[in-house]
PDB file of N, CA and C in Angstrom:
ATOM      1  N   MET A   1     151.051 106.225  95.708  1.00  0.00           N
ATOM      2  CA  MET A   1     149.769 106.422  96.379  1.00  0.00           C
ATOM      3  C   MET A   1     148.648 106.608  95.350  1.00  0.00           C
ATOM      4  N   PHE A   2     148.837 107.476  94.364  1.00  0.00           N
ATOM      5  CA  PHE A   2     147.845 107.686  93.313  1.00  0.00           C
ATOM      6  C   PHE A   2     148.417 108.526  92.195  1.00  0.00           C
ATOM      7  N   GLU A   3     147.691 108.594  91.106  1.00  0.00           N
ATOM      8  CA  GLU A   3     148.141 109.322  89.921  1.00  0.00           C
ATOM      9  C   GLU A   3     147.368 110.632  89.787  1.00  0.00           C
ATOM     10  N   LEU A   4     148.018 111.627  89.217  1.00  0.00           N
ATOM     11  CA  LEU A   4     147.370 112.894  88.890  1.00  0.00           C
ATOM     12  C   LEU A   4     147.467 113.097  87.387  1.00  0.00           C
ATOM     13  N   ASP A   5     146.459 113.734  86.821  1.00  0.00           N
ATOM     14  CA  ASP A   5     146.451 114.013  85.390  1.00  0.00           C
ATOM     15  C   ASP A   5     147.047 115.400  85.165  1.00  0.00           C
ATOM     16  N   LEU A   6     148.306 115.431  84.787  1.00  0.00           N
ATOM     17  CA  LEU A   6     148.998 116.707  84.621  1.00  0.00           C
ATOM     18  C   LEU A   6     148.508 117.479  83.398  1.00  0.00           C
ATOM     19  N   ARG A   7     147.792 116.811  82.500  1.00  0.00           N
ATOM     20  CA  ARG A   7     147.263 117.481  81.310  1.00  0.00           C
ATOM     21  C   ARG A   7     145.838 117.991  81.513  1.00  0.00           C
ATOM     22  N   SER A   8     145.251 117.648  82.635  1.00  0.00           N
ATOM     23  CA  SER A   8     143.879 118.063  82.916  1.00  0.00           C
ATOM     24  C   SER A   8     143.792 119.577  83.075  1.00  0.00           C
ATOM     25  N   ARG A   9     142.639 120.107  82.752  1.00  0.00           N
ATOM     26  CA  ARG A   9     142.424 121.549  82.943  1.00  0.00           C
ATOM     27  C   ARG A   9     142.174 121.868  84.415  1.00  0.00           C
ATOM     28  N   LYS A  10     141.843 120.838  85.194  1.00  0.00           N
ATOM     29  CA  LYS A  10     141.600 121.020  86.625  1.00  0.00           C
ATOM     30  C   LYS A  10     142.938 121.198  87.329  1.00  0.00           C
ATOM     31  N   PRO A  11     143.061 122.215  88.180  1.00  0.00           N
ATOM     32  CA  PRO A  11     144.323 122.445  88.891  1.00  0.00           C
ATOM     33  C   PRO A  11     144.772 121.195  89.661  1.00  0.00           C
ATOM     34  N   ILE A  12     146.075 121.015  89.740  1.00  0.00           N
ATOM     35  CA  ILE A  12     146.643 119.835  90.396  1.00  0.00           C
ATOM     36  C   ILE A  12     146.215 119.759  91.857  1.00  0.00           C
ATOM     37  N   TYR A  13     146.199 120.895  92.557  1.00  0.00           N
ATOM     38  CA  TYR A  13     145.840 120.845  93.969  1.00  0.00           C
ATOM     39  C   TYR A  13     144.398 120.375  94.147  1.00  0.00           C
ATOM     40  N   GLU A  14     143.492 120.741  93.213  1.00  0.00           N
ATOM     41  CA  GLU A  14     142.103 120.286  93.293  1.00  0.00           C
ATOM     42  C   GLU A  14     142.007 118.785  93.047  1.00  0.00           C
ATOM     43  N   GLN A  15     142.795 118.291  92.106  1.00  0.00           N
ATOM     44  CA  GLN A  15     142.827 116.846  91.857  1.00  0.00           C
ATOM     45  C   GLN A  15     143.305 116.112  93.111  1.00  0.00           C
ATOM     46  N   LEU A  16     144.315 116.680  93.747  1.00  0.00           N
ATOM     47  CA  LEU A  16     144.875 116.085  94.956  1.00  0.00           C
ATOM     48  C   LEU A  16     143.839 116.081  96.083  1.00  0.00           C
ATOM     49  N   VAL A  17     143.136 117.192  96.252  1.00  0.00           N
ATOM     50  CA  VAL A  17     142.090 117.287  97.278  1.00  0.00           C
ATOM     51  C   VAL A  17     141.018 116.224  97.026  1.00  0.00           C
ATOM     52  N   GLU A  18     140.545 116.122  95.782  1.00  0.00           N
ATOM     53  CA  GLU A  18     139.502 115.147  95.449  1.00  0.00           C
ATOM     54  C   GLU A  18     139.964 113.723  95.714  1.00  0.00           C
ATOM     55  N   ARG A  19     141.188 113.413  95.302  1.00  0.00           N
ATOM     56  CA  ARG A  19     141.694 112.054  95.463  1.00  0.00           C
ATOM     57  C   ARG A  19     141.860 111.696  96.936  1.00  0.00           C
ATOM     58  N   LEU A  20     142.394 112.622  97.733  1.00  0.00           N
ATOM     59  CA  LEU A  20     142.556 112.355  99.163  1.00  0.00           C
ATOM     60  C   LEU A  20     141.198 112.229  99.848  1.00  0.00           C
ATOM     61  N   LYS A  21     140.221 113.033  99.444  1.00  0.00           N
ATOM     62  CA  LYS A  21     138.864 112.905  99.990  1.00  0.00           C
ATOM     63  C   LYS A  21     138.309 111.510  99.708  1.00  0.00           C
ATOM     64  N   GLN A  22     138.491 111.036  98.468  1.00  0.00           N
ATOM     65  CA  GLN A  22     138.016 109.696  98.113  1.00  0.00           C
ATOM     66  C   GLN A  22     138.659 108.636  99.004  1.00  0.00           C
ATOM     67  N   LEU A  23     139.952 108.757  99.213  1.00  0.00           N
ATOM     68  CA  LEU A  23     140.662 107.784 100.043  1.00  0.00           C
ATOM     69  C   LEU A  23     140.174 107.820 101.490  1.00  0.00           C
ATOM     70  N   ILE A  24     139.849 109.003 101.986  1.00  0.00           N
ATOM     71  CA  ILE A  24     139.348 109.148 103.355  1.00  0.00           C
ATOM     72  C   ILE A  24     137.917 108.617 103.457  1.00  0.00           C
ATOM     73  N   ILE A  25     137.060 109.021 102.521  1.00  0.00           N
ATOM     74  CA  ILE A  25     135.655 108.604 102.542  1.00  0.00           C
ATOM     75  C   ILE A  25     135.530 107.094 102.426  1.00  0.00           C
ATOM     76  N   ASN A  26     136.368 106.479 101.606  1.00  0.00           N
ATOM     77  CA  ASN A  26     136.311 105.030 101.409  1.00  0.00           C
ATOM     78  C   ASN A  26     137.158 104.259 102.423  1.00  0.00           C
ATOM     79  N   ASN A  27     137.616 104.950 103.454  1.00  0.00           N
ATOM     80  CA  ASN A  27     138.396 104.350 104.544  1.00  0.00           C
ATOM     81  C   ASN A  27     139.681 103.671 104.090  1.00  0.00           C
ATOM     82  N   VAL A  28     140.218 104.104 102.962  1.00  0.00           N
ATOM     83  CA  VAL A  28     141.540 103.623 102.554  1.00  0.00           C
ATOM     84  C   VAL A  28     142.558 104.267 103.487  1.00  0.00           C
ATOM     85  N   LEU A  29     142.338 105.548 103.781  1.00  0.00           N
ATOM     86  CA  LEU A  29     143.120 106.237 104.803  1.00  0.00           C
ATOM     87  C   LEU A  29     142.293 106.201 106.087  1.00  0.00           C
ATOM     88  N   GLU A  30     142.819 105.576 107.117  1.00  0.00           N
ATOM     89  CA  GLU A  30     142.094 105.383 108.372  1.00  0.00           C
ATOM     90  C   GLU A  30     142.116 106.641 109.239  1.00  0.00           C
ATOM     91  N   LYS A  31     141.195 106.704 110.180  1.00  0.00           N
ATOM     92  CA  LYS A  31     141.135 107.817 111.130  1.00  0.00           C
ATOM     93  C   LYS A  31     142.460 107.911 111.880  1.00  0.00           C
ATOM     94  N   ASP A  32     142.947 109.121 112.036  1.00  0.00           N
ATOM     95  CA  ASP A  32     144.208 109.423 112.724  1.00  0.00           C
ATOM     96  C   ASP A  32     145.449 108.896 112.016  1.00  0.00           C
ATOM     97  N   GLU A  33     145.296 108.409 110.778  1.00  0.00           N
ATOM     98  CA  GLU A  33     146.461 107.953 110.013  1.00  0.00           C
ATOM     99  C   GLU A  33     147.270 109.161 109.561  1.00  0.00           C
ATOM    100  N   LYS A  34     148.577 109.048 109.665  1.00  0.00           N
ATOM    101  CA  LYS A  34     149.454 110.146 109.262  1.00  0.00           C
ATOM    102  C   LYS A  34     149.549 110.179 107.738  1.00  0.00           C
ATOM    103  N   LEU A  35     149.366 111.358 107.175  1.00  0.00           N
ATOM    104  CA  LEU A  35     149.525 111.548 105.739  1.00  0.00           C
ATOM    105  C   LEU A  35     151.006 111.729 105.423  1.00  0.00           C
ATOM    106  N   PRO A  36     151.401 111.452 104.195  1.00  0.00           N
ATOM    107  CA  PRO A  36     152.811 111.688 103.833  1.00  0.00           C
ATOM    108  C   PRO A  36     153.159 113.166 104.038  1.00  0.00           C
ATOM    109  N   SER A  37     154.394 113.428 104.383  1.00  0.00           N
ATOM    110  CA  SER A  37     154.810 114.823 104.552  1.00  0.00           C
ATOM    111  C   SER A  37     154.702 115.537 103.204  1.00  0.00           C
ATOM    112  N   VAL A  38     154.647 116.851 103.259  1.00  0.00           N
ATOM    113  CA  VAL A  38     154.554 117.657 102.048  1.00  0.00           C
ATOM    114  C   VAL A  38     155.729 117.343 101.125  1.00  0.00           C
ATOM    115  N   ARG A  39     156.928 117.308 101.678  1.00  0.00           N
ATOM    116  CA  ARG A  39     158.122 117.041 100.864  1.00  0.00           C
ATOM    117  C   ARG A  39     158.087 115.649 100.249  1.00  0.00           C
ATOM    118  N   THR A  40     157.710 114.651 101.039  1.00  0.00           N
ATOM    119  CA  THR A  40     157.665 113.270 100.556  1.00  0.00           C
ATOM    120  C   THR A  40     156.673 113.130  99.399  1.00  0.00           C
ATOM    121  N   LEU A  41     155.452 113.655  99.599  1.00  0.00           N
ATOM    122  CA  LEU A  41     154.426 113.537  98.569  1.00  0.00           C
ATOM    123  C   LEU A  41     154.798 114.333  97.321  1.00  0.00           C
ATOM    124  N   ALA A  42     155.369 115.510  97.521  1.00  0.00           N
ATOM    125  CA  ALA A  42     155.809 116.327  96.379  1.00  0.00           C
ATOM    126  C   ALA A  42     156.861 115.573  95.575  1.00  0.00           C
ATOM    127  N   SER A  43     157.759 114.902  96.272  1.00  0.00           N
ATOM    128  CA  SER A  43     158.795 114.119  95.603  1.00  0.00           C
ATOM    129  C   SER A  43     158.195 112.929  94.864  1.00  0.00           C
ATOM    130  N   GLN A  44     157.279 112.213  95.498  1.00  0.00           N
ATOM    131  CA  GLN A  44     156.641 111.040  94.882  1.00  0.00           C
ATOM    132  C   GLN A  44     155.869 111.419  93.620  1.00  0.00           C
ATOM    133  N   LEU A  45     155.176 112.566  93.680  1.00  0.00           N
ATOM    134  CA  LEU A  45     154.324 112.985  92.562  1.00  0.00           C
ATOM    135  C   LEU A  45     155.038 113.916  91.589  1.00  0.00           C
ATOM    136  N   SER A  46     156.246 114.295  91.929  1.00  0.00           N
ATOM    137  CA  SER A  46     157.041 115.228  91.119  1.00  0.00           C
ATOM    138  C   SER A  46     156.313 116.543  90.861  1.00  0.00           C
ATOM    139  N   ILE A  47     155.792 117.110  91.942  1.00  0.00           N
ATOM    140  CA  ILE A  47     155.141 118.419  91.843  1.00  0.00           C
ATOM    141  C   ILE A  47     155.646 119.324  92.958  1.00  0.00           C
ATOM    142  N   ASN A  48     155.365 120.591  92.814  1.00  0.00           N
ATOM    143  CA  ASN A  48     155.830 121.604  93.751  1.00  0.00           C
ATOM    144  C   ASN A  48     155.246 121.374  95.153  1.00  0.00           C
ATOM    145  N   PRO A  49     156.078 121.440  96.197  1.00  0.00           N
ATOM    146  CA  PRO A  49     155.579 121.271  97.571  1.00  0.00           C
ATOM    147  C   PRO A  49     154.480 122.272  97.935  1.00  0.00           C
ATOM    148  N   ASN A  50     154.528 123.470  97.348  1.00  0.00           N
ATOM    149  CA  ASN A  50     153.483 124.463  97.633  1.00  0.00           C
ATOM    150  C   ASN A  50     152.103 123.971  97.192  1.00  0.00           C
ATOM    151  N   THR A  51     152.072 123.161  96.139  1.00  0.00           N
ATOM    152  CA  THR A  51     150.812 122.600  95.646  1.00  0.00           C
ATOM    153  C   THR A  51     150.253 121.609  96.668  1.00  0.00           C
ATOM    154  N   ILE A  52     151.120 120.793  97.238  1.00  0.00           N
ATOM    155  CA  ILE A  52     150.709 119.838  98.267  1.00  0.00           C
ATOM    156  C   ILE A  52     150.212 120.598  99.489  1.00  0.00           C
ATOM    157  N   GLN A  53     150.959 121.624  99.872  1.00  0.00           N
ATOM    158  CA  GLN A  53     150.588 122.419 101.047  1.00  0.00           C
ATOM    159  C   GLN A  53     149.216 123.057 100.849  1.00  0.00           C
ATOM    160  N   LYS A  54     148.950 123.561  99.659  1.00  0.00           N
ATOM    161  CA  LYS A  54     147.653 124.179  99.358  1.00  0.00           C
ATOM    162  C   LYS A  54     146.534 123.148  99.475  1.00  0.00           C
ATOM    163  N   ALA A  55     146.753 121.946  98.965  1.00  0.00           N
ATOM    164  CA  ALA A  55     145.753 120.869  99.051  1.00  0.00           C
ATOM    165  C   ALA A  55     145.506 120.494 100.515  1.00  0.00           C
ATOM    166  N   TYR A  56     146.568 120.357 101.287  1.00  0.00           N
ATOM    167  CA  TYR A  56     146.428 120.010 102.697  1.00  0.00           C
ATOM    168  C   TYR A  56     145.660 121.103 103.453  1.00  0.00           C
ATOM    169  N   ARG A  57     145.948 122.375 103.146  1.00  0.00           N
ATOM    170  CA  ARG A  57     145.214 123.473 103.790  1.00  0.00           C
ATOM    171  C   ARG A  57     143.721 123.392 103.470  1.00  0.00           C
ATOM    172  N   GLU A  58     143.408 123.108 102.209  1.00  0.00           N
ATOM    173  CA  GLU A  58     142.014 122.997 101.789  1.00  0.00           C
ATOM    174  C   GLU A  58     141.320 121.838 102.507  1.00  0.00           C
ATOM    175  N   LEU A  59     141.983 120.695 102.583  1.00  0.00           N
ATOM    176  CA  LEU A  59     141.412 119.532 103.273  1.00  0.00           C
ATOM    177  C   LEU A  59     141.207 119.819 104.759  1.00  0.00           C
ATOM    178  N   GLU A  60     142.130 120.569 105.340  1.00  0.00           N
ATOM    179  CA  GLU A  60     141.996 120.921 106.755  1.00  0.00           C
ATOM    180  C   GLU A  60     140.819 121.877 106.954  1.00  0.00           C
ATOM    181  N   ALA A  61     140.675 122.834 106.053  1.00  0.00           N
ATOM    182  CA  ALA A  61     139.564 123.783 106.135  1.00  0.00           C
ATOM    183  C   ALA A  61     138.214 123.068 106.013  1.00  0.00           C
ATOM    184  N   GLN A  62     138.188 121.992 105.229  1.00  0.00           N
ATOM    185  CA  GLN A  62     136.951 121.231 105.039  1.00  0.00           C
ATOM    186  C   GLN A  62     136.739 120.169 106.123  1.00  0.00           C
ATOM    187  N   GLY A  63     137.710 120.013 107.021  1.00  0.00           N
ATOM    188  CA  GLY A  63     137.554 119.091 108.139  1.00  0.00           C
ATOM    189  C   GLY A  63     137.958 117.660 107.868  1.00  0.00           C
ATOM    190  N   TYR A  64     138.612 117.392 106.744  1.00  0.00           N
ATOM    191  CA  TYR A  64     139.015 116.026 106.420  1.00  0.00           C
ATOM    192  C   TYR A  64     140.305 115.619 107.117  1.00  0.00           C
ATOM    193  N   ILE A  65     141.173 116.593 107.374  1.00  0.00           N
ATOM    194  CA  ILE A  65     142.444 116.306 108.042  1.00  0.00           C
ATOM    195  C   ILE A  65     142.700 117.359 109.115  1.00  0.00           C
ATOM    196  N   TYR A  66     143.655 117.081 109.979  1.00  0.00           N
ATOM    197  CA  TYR A  66     144.115 118.063 110.961  1.00  0.00           C
ATOM    198  C   TYR A  66     145.627 118.009 111.027  1.00  0.00           C
ATOM    199  N   SER A  67     146.227 119.095 111.459  1.00  0.00           N
ATOM    200  CA  SER A  67     147.687 119.174 111.542  1.00  0.00           C
ATOM    201  C   SER A  67     148.125 119.273 112.992  1.00  0.00           C
ATOM    202  N   VAL A  68     149.264 118.668 113.271  1.00  0.00           N
ATOM    203  CA  VAL A  68     149.888 118.773 114.586  1.00  0.00           C
ATOM    204  C   VAL A  68     151.271 119.354 114.356  1.00  0.00           C
ATOM    205  N   LYS A  69     151.543 120.496 114.990  1.00  0.00           N
ATOM    206  CA  LYS A  69     152.831 121.173 114.811  1.00  0.00           C
ATOM    207  C   LYS A  69     153.981 120.219 115.071  1.00  0.00           C
ATOM    208  N   GLY A  70     154.882 120.146 114.111  1.00  0.00           N
ATOM    209  CA  GLY A  70     156.067 119.322 114.263  1.00  0.00           C
ATOM    210  C   GLY A  70     155.844 117.830 114.032  1.00  0.00           C
ATOM    211  N   LYS A  71     154.601 117.414 113.856  1.00  0.00           N
ATOM    212  CA  LYS A  71     154.287 115.987 113.685  1.00  0.00           C
ATOM    213  C   LYS A  71     153.767 115.675 112.283  1.00  0.00           C
ATOM    214  N   GLY A  72     152.989 116.617 111.693  1.00  0.00           N
ATOM    215  CA  GLY A  72     152.456 116.384 110.358  1.00  0.00           C
ATOM    216  C   GLY A  72     150.948 116.504 110.289  1.00  0.00           C
ATOM    217  N   SER A  73     150.387 115.963 109.209  1.00  0.00           N
ATOM    218  CA  SER A  73     148.948 116.009 108.982  1.00  0.00           C
ATOM    219  C   SER A  73     148.360 114.616 109.134  1.00  0.00           C
ATOM    220  N   PHE A  74     147.149 114.561 109.692  1.00  0.00           N
ATOM    221  CA  PHE A  74     146.490 113.296 109.992  1.00  0.00           C
ATOM    222  C   PHE A  74     145.038 113.344 109.542  1.00  0.00           C
ATOM    223  N   VAL A  75     144.467 112.158 109.276  1.00  0.00           N
ATOM    224  CA  VAL A  75     143.055 112.054 108.896  1.00  0.00           C
ATOM    225  C   VAL A  75     142.210 112.355 110.125  1.00  0.00           C
ATOM    226  N   SER A  76     141.195 113.200 109.972  1.00  0.00           N
ATOM    227  CA  SER A  76     140.324 113.586 111.091  1.00  0.00           C
ATOM    228  C   SER A  76     139.498 112.408 111.586  1.00  0.00           C
ATOM    229  N   ASN A  77     139.177 112.442 112.889  1.00  0.00           N
ATOM    230  CA  ASN A  77     138.305 111.429 113.474  1.00  0.00           C
ATOM    231  C   ASN A  77     136.903 111.542 112.909  1.00  0.00           C
ATOM    232  N   SER A  78     136.462 112.758 112.726  1.00  0.00           N
ATOM    233  CA  SER A  78     135.128 112.978 112.163  1.00  0.00           C
ATOM    234  C   SER A  78     135.157 114.309 111.423  1.00  0.00           C
ATOM    235  N   LEU A  79     134.289 114.410 110.456  1.00  0.00           N
ATOM    236  CA  LEU A  79     134.214 115.657 109.710  1.00  0.00           C
ATOM    237  C   LEU A  79     133.619 116.739 110.592  1.00  0.00           C
ATOM    238  N   MET A  80     133.879 117.972 110.234  1.00  0.00           N
ATOM    239  CA  MET A  80     133.322 119.088 110.994  1.00  0.00           C
ATOM    240  C   MET A  80     131.812 118.942 111.070  1.00  0.00           C
ATOM    241  N   THR A  81     131.237 119.301 112.201  1.00  0.00           N
ATOM    242  CA  THR A  81     129.794 119.183 112.349  1.00  0.00           C
ATOM    243  C   THR A  81     129.075 120.231 111.512  1.00  0.00           C
ATOM    244  N   ASP A  82     129.705 121.347 111.269  1.00  0.00           N
ATOM    245  CA  ASP A  82     129.081 122.408 110.477  1.00  0.00           C
ATOM    246  C   ASP A  82     129.526 122.292 109.025  1.00  0.00           C
ATOM    247  N   ASN A  83     128.989 121.284 108.337  1.00  0.00           N
ATOM    248  CA  ASN A  83     129.368 121.087 106.947  1.00  0.00           C
ATOM    249  C   ASN A  83     128.186 121.311 106.002  1.00  0.00           C
ATOM    250  N   ALA A  84     127.235 122.151 106.431  1.00  0.00           N
ATOM    251  CA  ALA A  84     126.042 122.419 105.639  1.00  0.00           C
ATOM    252  C   ALA A  84     126.394 123.005 104.271  1.00  0.00           C
ATOM    253  N   ALA A  85     127.375 123.879 104.213  1.00  0.00           N
ATOM    254  CA  ALA A  85     127.764 124.489 102.938  1.00  0.00           C
ATOM    255  C   ALA A  85     128.339 123.443 101.995  1.00  0.00           C
ATOM    256  N   GLU A  86     129.138 122.532 102.535  1.00  0.00           N
ATOM    257  CA  GLU A  86     129.729 121.466 101.718  1.00  0.00           C
ATOM    258  C   GLU A  86     128.640 120.519 101.203  1.00  0.00           C
ATOM    259  N   ILE A  87     127.678 120.198 102.061  1.00  0.00           N
ATOM    260  CA  ILE A  87     126.565 119.322 101.655  1.00  0.00           C
ATOM    261  C   ILE A  87     125.752 119.983 100.554  1.00  0.00           C
ATOM    262  N   LYS A  88     125.487 121.267 100.708  1.00  0.00           N
ATOM    263  CA  LYS A  88     124.722 121.998  99.690  1.00  0.00           C
ATOM    264  C   LYS A  88     125.452 121.970  98.344  1.00  0.00           C
ATOM    265  N   LYS A  89     126.761 122.176  98.371  1.00  0.00           N
ATOM    266  CA  LYS A  89     127.581 122.168  97.158  1.00  0.00           C
ATOM    267  C   LYS A  89     127.538 120.801  96.480  1.00  0.00           C
ATOM    268  N   VAL A  90     127.671 119.739  97.275  1.00  0.00           N
ATOM    269  CA  VAL A  90     127.647 118.379  96.733  1.00  0.00           C
ATOM    270  C   VAL A  90     126.283 118.078  96.123  1.00  0.00           C
ATOM    271  N   LYS A  91     125.216 118.497  96.801  1.00  0.00           N
ATOM    272  CA  LYS A  91     123.865 118.257  96.280  1.00  0.00           C
ATOM    273  C   LYS A  91     123.649 118.978  94.951  1.00  0.00           C
ATOM    274  N   GLU A  92     124.170 120.198  94.844  1.00  0.00           N
ATOM    275  CA  GLU A  92     124.045 120.950  93.591  1.00  0.00           C
ATOM    276  C   GLU A  92     124.797 120.244  92.462  1.00  0.00           C
ATOM    277  N   GLN A  93     125.992 119.742  92.762  1.00  0.00           N
ATOM    278  CA  GLN A  93     126.777 119.008  91.766  1.00  0.00           C
ATOM    279  C   GLN A  93     126.043 117.731  91.354  1.00  0.00           C
ATOM    280  N   LEU A  94     125.489 117.031  92.344  1.00  0.00           N
ATOM    281  CA  LEU A  94     124.753 115.804  92.053  1.00  0.00           C
ATOM    282  C   LEU A  94     123.545 116.074  91.158  1.00  0.00           C
ATOM    283  N   LYS A  95     122.843 117.164  91.459  1.00  0.00           N
ATOM    284  CA  LYS A  95     121.668 117.528  90.668  1.00  0.00           C
ATOM    285  C   LYS A  95     122.034 117.699  89.191  1.00  0.00           C
ATOM    286  N   LYS A  96     123.132 118.398  88.953  1.00  0.00           N
ATOM    287  CA  LYS A  96     123.600 118.615  87.575  1.00  0.00           C
ATOM    288  C   LYS A  96     123.978 117.291  86.922  1.00  0.00           C
ATOM    289  N   GLN A  97     124.699 116.446  87.653  1.00  0.00           N
ATOM    290  CA  GLN A  97     125.140 115.167  87.113  1.00  0.00           C
ATOM    291  C   GLN A  97     123.948 114.243  86.827  1.00  0.00           C
ATOM    292  N   VAL A  98     122.960 114.223  87.724  1.00  0.00           N
ATOM    293  CA  VAL A  98     121.773 113.391  87.523  1.00  0.00           C
ATOM    294  C   VAL A  98     120.997 113.875  86.308  1.00  0.00           C
ATOM    295  N   ALA A  99     120.847 115.196  86.182  1.00  0.00           N
ATOM    296  CA  ALA A  99     120.137 115.749  85.020  1.00  0.00           C
ATOM    297  C   ALA A  99     120.836 115.354  83.728  1.00  0.00           C
ATOM    298  N   GLU A 100     122.153 115.425  83.717  1.00  0.00           N
ATOM    299  CA  GLU A 100     122.912 115.044  82.524  1.00  0.00           C
ATOM    300  C   GLU A 100     122.756 113.551  82.229  1.00  0.00           C
ATOM    301  N   ALA A 101     122.810 112.730  83.278  1.00  0.00           N
ATOM    302  CA  ALA A 101     122.658 111.281  83.099  1.00  0.00           C
ATOM    303  C   ALA A 101     121.278 110.950  82.532  1.00  0.00           C
ATOM    304  N   LEU A 102     120.240 111.582  83.065  1.00  0.00           N
ATOM    305  CA  LEU A 102     118.881 111.349  82.561  1.00  0.00           C
ATOM    306  C   LEU A 102     118.767 111.778  81.103  1.00  0.00           C
ATOM    307  N   PHE A 103     119.360 112.910  80.781  1.00  0.00           N
ATOM    308  CA  PHE A 103     119.345 113.410  79.407  1.00  0.00           C
ATOM    309  C   PHE A 103     120.005 112.423  78.453  1.00  0.00           C
ATOM    310  N   LEU A 104     121.085 111.788  78.925  1.00  0.00           N
ATOM    311  CA  LEU A 104     121.834 110.847  78.090  1.00  0.00           C
ATOM    312  C   LEU A 104     121.182 109.463  78.024  1.00  0.00           C
ATOM    313  N   GLY A 105     120.090 109.276  78.785  1.00  0.00           N
ATOM    314  CA  GLY A 105     119.354 108.021  78.689  1.00  0.00           C
ATOM    315  C   GLY A 105     119.507 107.063  79.846  1.00  0.00           C
ATOM    316  N   VAL A 106     120.204 107.458  80.895  1.00  0.00           N
ATOM    317  CA  VAL A 106     120.303 106.604  82.077  1.00  0.00           C
ATOM    318  C   VAL A 106     118.938 106.633  82.770  1.00  0.00           C
ATOM    319  N   THR A 107     118.438 105.461  83.159  1.00  0.00           N
ATOM    320  CA  THR A 107     117.115 105.399  83.785  1.00  0.00           C
ATOM    321  C   THR A 107     117.189 105.715  85.277  1.00  0.00           C
ATOM    322  N   SER A 108     116.045 106.055  85.843  1.00  0.00           N
ATOM    323  CA  SER A 108     115.962 106.309  87.286  1.00  0.00           C
ATOM    324  C   SER A 108     116.379 105.072  88.067  1.00  0.00           C
ATOM    325  N   GLU A 109     115.944 103.908  87.576  1.00  0.00           N
ATOM    326  CA  GLU A 109     116.284 102.653  88.248  1.00  0.00           C
ATOM    327  C   GLU A 109     117.807 102.441  88.270  1.00  0.00           C
ATOM    328  N   GLU A 110     118.463 102.763  87.156  1.00  0.00           N
ATOM    329  CA  GLU A 110     119.918 102.622  87.093  1.00  0.00           C
ATOM    330  C   GLU A 110     120.600 103.577  88.076  1.00  0.00           C
ATOM    331  N   LEU A 111     120.072 104.788  88.190  1.00  0.00           N
ATOM    332  CA  LEU A 111     120.639 105.766  89.125  1.00  0.00           C
ATOM    333  C   LEU A 111     120.455 105.301  90.570  1.00  0.00           C
ATOM    334  N   ILE A 112     119.272 104.772  90.870  1.00  0.00           N
ATOM    335  CA  ILE A 112     119.008 104.270  92.223  1.00  0.00           C
ATOM    336  C   ILE A 112     119.953 103.115  92.542  1.00  0.00           C
ATOM    337  N   GLN A 113     120.141 102.211  91.576  1.00  0.00           N
ATOM    338  CA  GLN A 113     121.050 101.081  91.769  1.00  0.00           C
ATOM    339  C   GLN A 113     122.480 101.572  91.993  1.00  0.00           C
ATOM    340  N   LEU A 114     122.867 102.585  91.234  1.00  0.00           N
ATOM    341  CA  LEU A 114     124.206 103.158  91.382  1.00  0.00           C
ATOM    342  C   LEU A 114     124.399 103.723  92.792  1.00  0.00           C
ATOM    343  N   ILE A 115     123.407 104.450  93.284  1.00  0.00           N
ATOM    344  CA  ILE A 115     123.475 105.016  94.637  1.00  0.00           C
ATOM    345  C   ILE A 115     123.594 103.891  95.665  1.00  0.00           C
ATOM    346  N   GLN A 116     122.800 102.836  95.479  1.00  0.00           N
ATOM    347  CA  GLN A 116     122.853 101.703  96.415  1.00  0.00           C
ATOM    348  C   GLN A 116     124.215 101.011  96.373  1.00  0.00           C
ATOM    349  N   ASP A 117     124.781 100.878  95.185  1.00  0.00           N
ATOM    350  CA  ASP A 117     126.106 100.264  95.046  1.00  0.00           C
ATOM    351  C   ASP A 117     127.172 101.098  95.757  1.00  0.00           C
ATOM    352  N   VAL A 118     127.119 102.415  95.567  1.00  0.00           N
ATOM    353  CA  VAL A 118     128.077 103.310  96.206  1.00  0.00           C
ATOM    354  C   VAL A 118     127.910 103.242  97.726  1.00  0.00           C
ATOM    355  N   GLU A 119     126.664 103.237  98.167  1.00  0.00           N
ATOM    356  CA  GLU A 119     126.395 103.166  99.608  1.00  0.00           C
ATOM    357  C   GLU A 119     126.942 101.875 100.209  1.00  0.00           C
ATOM    358  N   LYS A 120     126.726 100.755  99.527  1.00  0.00           N
ATOM    359  CA  LYS A 120     127.235  99.462 100.015  1.00  0.00           C
ATOM    360  C   LYS A 120     128.755  99.473 100.093  1.00  0.00           C
ATOM    361  N   SER A 121     129.408  99.983  99.057  1.00  0.00           N
ATOM    362  CA  SER A 121     130.871  99.961  99.043  1.00  0.00           C
ATOM    363  C   SER A 121     131.452 100.916 100.087  1.00  0.00           C
ATOM    364  N   SER A 122     130.775 102.036 100.340  1.00  0.00           N
ATOM    365  CA  SER A 122     131.274 102.990 101.345  1.00  0.00           C
ATOM    366  C   SER A 122     131.050 102.478 102.749  1.00  0.00           C
ATOM    367  N   VAL A 123     129.849 101.938 103.005  1.00  0.00           N
ATOM    368  CA  VAL A 123     129.520 101.450 104.349  1.00  0.00           C
ATOM    369  C   VAL A 123     130.218 100.130 104.606  1.00  0.00           C
ATOM    370  N   GLY A 124     130.295  99.283 103.592  1.00  0.00           N
ATOM    371  CA  GLY A 124     130.897  97.961 103.735  1.00  0.00           C
ATOM    372  C   GLY A 124     132.353  97.993 104.132  1.00  0.00           C
ATOM    373  N   GLU A 125     133.071  99.046 103.762  1.00  0.00           N
ATOM    374  CA  GLU A 125     134.496  99.140 104.069  1.00  0.00           C
ATOM    375  C   GLU A 125     134.745  99.723 105.447  1.00  0.00           C
ATOM    376  N   GLY A 126     133.709 100.317 106.058  1.00  0.00           N
ATOM    377  CA  GLY A 126     133.896 101.011 107.328  1.00  0.00           C
ATOM    378  C   GLY A 126     133.907 100.173 108.503  1.00  0.00           C
TER     379      GLY A 126
END
């Protein structure tokens, strides 16, 4: 399904959360699609099942997935309507990244083009 950087300073569960979010946002994982079971994914990635469970709990708390007792975890139909805190966090991260890009010499035009490219690829796949 995907690779994790076991040498990264970022915790494995956070890497897993980010990667699954990307797959959901880019519609690689479709709405109501069943995610691999905790045991299956832990086996595929050779990591502790508790790490997978922690990532799934985080994704569920953020509204990206939902769980059905005895059936597993599935991609949510829509994100939680009350995601103002998540939006604020993303905007703060973007602000820092844009400031760094500008400092390193990336132009405003290049940033605008990048946003348009990302928007096209995200909307185009939906």
